Amino acid sequence: MKAEEISLTEKKVKPVVDMLNDYLATYHVHYQKLRGCHWNVKGQNFFTLHVKFEELYTNAQQTIDEIAERVLTLGKSPYSRFADYIKESSIKEVNTIGMKDMDMVEAILGDMSKLIEMERDLLEATDKAGDDGSNDMVNRFMQFKEKNTWMLRSFTGKK
């Protein structure tokens, strides 16, 4: 499929597709961090965080699929190699083995902050390109993270 087939011009959506691929790479690193937190969380917050991390990684997995499919819809190929994810991601991997539970929450909050920043940039780019489909998708993802940021910050006792 080409962008023109959904009434978008390839030239206008190229920046969007490039940004979506970087967003996809960042989401993959975030997803793996969530999995590591889920597997390795210990302590008195275990039950609460184990369930929350699973909810978040399940959502991230679905989000990753939607981002990749949107890249395909716009006529390009999504990144699909770990090497690309690590190279292009705006966030870094962490070793969750032995990590304290609240440090895990802080790491996830940092990821979400970066992803929200990327989403705001994507919303501007999609608006400029007239790409309402990508705009709606990204806006939905951002709202989910904004709500969960509030919840996790409340869990840590932050405002």
Protein backbone atom coordinates (compact mmCIF):
# COMPACT_ATOMS: atom_id res chain seq x y z
CA MET A 1 0.00 0.00 0.00
CA LYS A 2 1.13 3.53 -0.64
CA ALA A 3 0.18 6.67 1.26
CA GLU A 4 -1.56 7.97 -1.87
CA GLU A 5 -3.99 5.05 -1.68
CA ILE A 6 -5.42 6.53 1.53
CA SER A 7 -5.43 10.10 0.13
CA LEU A 8 -2.15 11.20 1.73
CA THR A 9 0.92 12.30 -0.19
CA GLU A 10 4.10 10.35 0.44
CA LYS A 11 6.16 13.52 0.69
CA LYS A 12 3.92 14.91 3.44
CA VAL A 13 3.82 11.71 5.50
CA LYS A 14 7.51 10.76 5.19
CA PRO A 15 8.43 12.70 8.36
CA VAL A 16 5.50 11.06 10.16
CA VAL A 17 6.57 7.56 9.07
CA ASP A 18 10.16 8.19 10.18
CA MET A 19 8.94 9.48 13.54
CA LEU A 20 6.57 6.50 13.91
CA ASN A 21 9.46 4.09 13.32
CA ASP A 22 11.55 5.82 16.01
CA TYR A 23 8.49 5.74 18.29
CA LEU A 24 8.13 2.02 17.52
CA ALA A 25 11.77 1.40 18.48
CA THR A 26 11.34 3.35 21.72
CA TYR A 27 8.16 1.44 22.53
CA HIS A 28 9.97 -1.89 22.09
CA VAL A 29 12.60 -0.91 24.67
CA HIS A 30 9.83 0.34 26.98
CA TYR A 31 7.94 -2.94 26.50
CA GLN A 32 10.96 -5.05 27.39
CA LYS A 33 11.63 -2.89 30.45
CA LEU A 34 8.04 -3.48 31.58
CA ARG A 35 8.48 -7.23 31.10
CA GLY A 36 11.68 -7.17 33.14
CA CYS A 37 9.99 -5.19 35.90
CA HIS A 38 7.08 -7.65 35.93
CA TRP A 39 9.40 -10.64 36.15
CA ASN A 40 11.82 -9.19 38.70
CA VAL A 41 9.74 -7.07 41.10
CA LYS A 42 10.11 -8.05 44.74
CA GLY A 43 9.12 -6.67 48.13
CA GLN A 44 5.97 -5.54 49.84
CA ASN A 45 4.65 -3.89 46.64
CA PHE A 46 5.02 -7.14 44.70
CA PHE A 47 1.32 -7.93 44.26
CA THR A 48 0.35 -4.40 43.26
CA LEU A 49 3.25 -3.80 40.88
CA HIS A 50 3.34 -7.30 39.38
CA VAL A 51 -0.25 -6.84 38.20
CA LYS A 52 0.29 -3.21 37.09
CA PHE A 53 3.42 -4.03 35.09
CA GLU A 54 1.54 -6.85 33.36
CA GLU A 55 -1.30 -4.48 32.46
CA LEU A 56 1.20 -1.97 31.08
CA TYR A 57 3.24 -4.48 29.05
CA THR A 58 0.07 -6.03 27.60
CA ASN A 59 -1.03 -2.57 26.51
CA ALA A 60 2.45 -1.81 25.14
CA GLN A 61 2.42 -5.02 23.10
CA GLN A 62 -0.89 -4.03 21.47
CA THR A 63 0.39 -0.49 20.93
CA ILE A 64 3.53 -1.78 19.20
CA ASP A 65 1.40 -3.80 16.81
CA GLU A 66 -0.78 -0.79 15.97
CA ILE A 67 2.25 1.45 15.37
CA ALA A 68 3.86 -1.11 13.06
CA GLU A 69 0.61 -1.57 11.14
CA ARG A 70 0.25 2.19 10.76
CA VAL A 71 3.77 2.41 9.32
CA LEU A 72 2.75 -0.29 6.83
CA THR A 73 -0.50 1.54 6.06
CA LEU A 74 1.57 4.61 5.19
CA GLY A 75 3.61 2.55 2.71
CA LYS A 76 6.83 1.84 4.57
CA SER A 77 8.30 -1.08 6.51
CA PRO A 78 8.42 -0.95 10.30
CA TYR A 79 11.62 -1.65 12.19
CA SER A 80 11.69 -5.32 13.17
CA ARG A 81 15.22 -5.95 14.46
CA PHE A 82 16.42 -5.57 18.02
CA ALA A 83 19.52 -3.81 16.69
CA ASP A 84 17.26 -1.11 15.20
CA TYR A 85 15.24 -0.81 18.39
CA ILE A 86 18.35 -0.24 20.50
CA LYS A 87 19.94 2.11 17.96
CA GLU A 88 16.85 4.27 17.35
CA SER A 89 15.19 4.23 20.77
CA SER A 90 14.99 7.47 22.72
CA ILE A 91 15.16 5.54 25.99
CA LYS A 92 17.80 3.16 27.29
CA GLU A 93 17.63 -0.40 28.50
CA VAL A 94 18.02 -1.11 32.19
CA ASN A 95 18.87 -4.26 34.08
CA THR A 96 15.81 -4.96 36.21
CA ILE A 97 17.43 -7.87 38.06
CA GLY A 98 17.94 -6.73 41.64
CA MET A 99 16.33 -3.35 40.96
CA LYS A 100 14.25 -1.94 43.82
CA ASP A 101 10.50 -1.82 43.21
CA MET A 102 10.20 1.97 43.46
CA ASP A 103 13.21 2.42 41.18
CA MET A 104 11.30 0.31 38.65
CA VAL A 105 8.34 2.66 38.93
CA GLU A 106 10.65 5.65 38.46
CA ALA A 107 12.19 4.02 35.35
CA ILE A 108 8.74 3.41 33.87
CA LEU A 109 7.69 6.98 34.67
CA GLY A 110 10.79 8.23 32.86
CA ASP A 111 9.93 6.12 29.82
CA MET A 112 6.37 7.36 29.82
CA SER A 113 7.53 10.96 30.02
CA LYS A 114 9.77 10.46 26.98
CA LEU A 115 7.03 8.63 25.08
CA ILE A 116 4.53 11.43 25.82
CA GLU A 117 7.09 13.95 24.54
CA MET A 118 7.44 11.91 21.34
CA GLU A 119 3.66 11.69 21.06
CA ARG A 120 3.27 15.45 21.31
CA ASP A 121 5.84 15.85 18.51
CA LEU A 122 4.01 13.22 16.47
CA LEU A 123 0.69 15.01 16.97
CA GLU A 124 2.20 18.18 15.50
CA ALA A 125 3.71 16.29 12.57
CA THR A 126 0.54 14.32 11.83
CA ASP A 127 -1.52 17.50 11.96
CA LYS A 128 0.85 19.21 9.54
CA ALA A 129 0.69 16.20 7.16
CA GLY A 130 -3.11 15.98 7.37
CA ASP A 131 -2.74 12.44 8.73
CA ASP A 132 -5.81 12.19 10.94
CA GLY A 133 -5.54 8.40 11.27
CA SER A 134 -2.08 8.53 12.83
CA ASN A 135 -3.10 11.57 14.88
CA ASP A 136 -6.09 9.77 16.40
CA MET A 137 -4.00 6.67 17.14
CA VAL A 138 -1.17 8.58 18.83
CA ASN A 139 -3.58 10.75 20.81
CA ARG A 140 -5.25 7.61 22.22
CA PHE A 141 -1.86 6.17 23.23
CA MET A 142 -0.86 9.44 24.87
CA GLN A 143 -4.07 9.64 26.92
CA PHE A 144 -3.45 6.12 28.27
CA LYS A 145 0.08 7.08 29.36
CA GLU A 146 -1.02 10.39 30.86
CA LYS A 147 -3.56 8.59 33.06
CA ASN A 148 -1.06 5.90 34.08
CA THR A 149 1.59 8.52 34.80
CA TRP A 150 -0.82 10.16 37.22
CA MET A 151 -1.58 6.78 38.82
CA LEU A 152 2.08 5.76 39.18
CA ARG A 153 3.05 9.19 40.52
CA SER A 154 0.22 8.88 43.07
CA PHE A 155 1.52 5.42 43.99
CA THR A 156 4.97 6.91 44.69
CA GLY A 157 3.46 9.75 46.74
CA LYS A 158 4.37 12.43 44.19
CA LYS A 159 2.00 15.12 42.97
